[in-house]
Amino acid sequence: MAEKVEKAGVKREKGYVYFIDQDGDISRSKTGQKGRKEKINKIGLKREKGYLYFIDSDGDISRSPMKRRT
């Protein structure tokens, strides 16, 4: 089960891929274009080990525990 970490309220547009970049901010890139990214929200999210962070259907940042295979 996922838990909300940060409210961002990102409105998605067709033709873009939305992701959390290395700085912990929300960025987007046109589908199929490499290297060009545009920052949408500056959040500065600090990530914890063992969690997968993603932008949920509400446009907020959520996280879910990762299952490790041993």
C-alpha atoms as a PDB file:
ATOM      1  CA  MET A   1       0.000   0.000   0.000  1.00  0.00           C
ATOM      2  CA  ALA A   2       1.309   3.440  -0.901  1.00  0.00           C
ATOM      3  CA  GLU A   3       1.488   6.422   1.424  1.00  0.00           C
ATOM      4  CA  LYS A   4       1.422  10.077   0.397  1.00  0.00           C
ATOM      5  CA  VAL A   5       4.660  11.898   1.160  1.00  0.00           C
ATOM      6  CA  GLU A   6       4.150  15.359  -0.323  1.00  0.00           C
ATOM      7  CA  LYS A   7       1.209  17.230  -1.855  1.00  0.00           C
ATOM      8  CA  ALA A   8       2.154  18.649  -5.246  1.00  0.00           C
ATOM      9  CA  GLY A   9      -1.068  18.770  -7.279  1.00  0.00           C
ATOM     10  CA  VAL A  10       0.639  18.272 -10.656  1.00  0.00           C
ATOM     11  CA  LYS A  11      -1.753  18.472 -13.612  1.00  0.00           C
ATOM     12  CA  ARG A  12      -0.594  16.073 -16.311  1.00  0.00           C
ATOM     13  CA  GLU A  13      -0.590  16.857 -20.021  1.00  0.00           C
ATOM     14  CA  LYS A  14      -0.615  14.328 -22.841  1.00  0.00           C
ATOM     15  CA  GLY A  15       2.721  13.652 -24.514  1.00  0.00           C
ATOM     16  CA  TYR A  16       4.862  14.103 -21.377  1.00  0.00           C
ATOM     17  CA  VAL A  17       6.518  11.717 -18.924  1.00  0.00           C
ATOM     18  CA  TYR A  18       6.519  12.967 -15.310  1.00  0.00           C
ATOM     19  CA  PHE A  19       9.159  11.833 -12.806  1.00  0.00           C
ATOM     20  CA  ILE A  20      11.068  12.736  -9.653  1.00  0.00           C
ATOM     21  CA  ASP A  21      14.563  13.891 -10.620  1.00  0.00           C
ATOM     22  CA  GLN A  22      17.871  13.522  -8.740  1.00  0.00           C
ATOM     23  CA  ASP A  23      17.296  16.749  -6.800  1.00  0.00           C
ATOM     24  CA  GLY A  24      13.964  15.439  -5.448  1.00  0.00           C
ATOM     25  CA  ASP A  25      11.937  17.797  -7.646  1.00  0.00           C
ATOM     26  CA  ILE A  26       9.157  16.942 -10.093  1.00  0.00           C
ATOM     27  CA  SER A  27      10.238  17.217 -13.724  1.00  0.00           C
ATOM     28  CA  ARG A  28       8.787  16.308 -17.077  1.00  0.00           C
ATOM     29  CA  SER A  29      10.107  15.410 -20.496  1.00  0.00           C
ATOM     30  CA  LYS A  30       8.426  15.015 -23.860  1.00  0.00           C
ATOM     31  CA  THR A  31       7.834  11.393 -24.706  1.00  0.00           C
ATOM     32  CA  GLY A  32      10.677  10.102 -26.863  1.00  0.00           C
ATOM     33  CA  GLN A  33      13.102  12.981 -26.244  1.00  0.00           C
ATOM     34  CA  LYS A  34      16.263  12.223 -24.318  1.00  0.00           C
ATOM     35  CA  GLY A  35      18.134  14.701 -22.188  1.00  0.00           C
ATOM     36  CA  ARG A  36      15.581  17.533 -22.220  1.00  0.00           C
ATOM     37  CA  LYS A  37      13.787  17.940 -18.937  1.00  0.00           C
ATOM     38  CA  GLU A  38      11.737  20.749 -17.506  1.00  0.00           C
ATOM     39  CA  LYS A  39      11.279  21.283 -13.752  1.00  0.00           C
ATOM     40  CA  ILE A  40       7.619  21.582 -12.769  1.00  0.00           C
ATOM     41  CA  ASN A  41       7.740  21.801  -8.931  1.00  0.00           C
ATOM     42  CA  LYS A  42      10.740  22.380  -6.692  1.00  0.00           C
ATOM     43  CA  ILE A  43      10.204  20.156  -3.658  1.00  0.00           C
ATOM     44  CA  GLY A  44      13.648  18.946  -2.558  1.00  0.00           C
ATOM     45  CA  LEU A  45      12.391  15.529  -1.484  1.00  0.00           C
ATOM     46  CA  LYS A  46      14.772  13.511   0.710  1.00  0.00           C
ATOM     47  CA  ARG A  47      14.448   9.829  -0.152  1.00  0.00           C
ATOM     48  CA  GLU A  48      14.725   6.959   2.312  1.00  0.00           C
ATOM     49  CA  LYS A  49      16.296   3.635   1.378  1.00  0.00           C
ATOM     50  CA  GLY A  50      13.914   0.769   0.715  1.00  0.00           C
ATOM     51  CA  TYR A  51      11.101   2.834  -0.833  1.00  0.00           C
ATOM     52  CA  LEU A  52       9.948   3.426  -4.395  1.00  0.00           C
ATOM     53  CA  TYR A  53       8.862   7.044  -4.941  1.00  0.00           C
ATOM     54  CA  PHE A  54       6.384   7.961  -7.674  1.00  0.00           C
ATOM     55  CA  ILE A  55       3.793  10.543  -8.747  1.00  0.00           C
ATOM     56  CA  ASP A  56       0.343   9.151  -8.016  1.00  0.00           C
ATOM     57  CA  SER A  57      -2.934   9.683  -9.871  1.00  0.00           C
ATOM     58  CA  ASP A  58      -3.708  12.823  -7.828  1.00  0.00           C
ATOM     59  CA  GLY A  59      -0.427  14.425  -8.937  1.00  0.00           C
ATOM     60  CA  ASP A  60       1.144  14.057  -5.474  1.00  0.00           C
ATOM     61  CA  ILE A  61       4.321  12.218  -4.457  1.00  0.00           C
ATOM     62  CA  SER A  62       3.743   8.832  -2.848  1.00  0.00           C
ATOM     63  CA  ARG A  63       5.996   5.998  -1.786  1.00  0.00           C
ATOM     64  CA  SER A  64       5.688   2.258  -1.472  1.00  0.00           C
ATOM     65  CA  PRO A  65       8.052  -0.203   0.228  1.00  0.00           C
ATOM     66  CA  MET A  66      10.195  -2.181  -2.205  1.00  0.00           C
ATOM     67  CA  LYS A  67      10.254  -5.932  -1.930  1.00  0.00           C
ATOM     68  CA  ARG A  68      13.777  -7.304  -2.101  1.00  0.00           C
ATOM     69  CA  ARG A  69      14.600 -10.687  -3.508  1.00  0.00           C
ATOM     70  CA  THR A  70      17.341 -12.558  -1.708  1.00  0.00           C
END
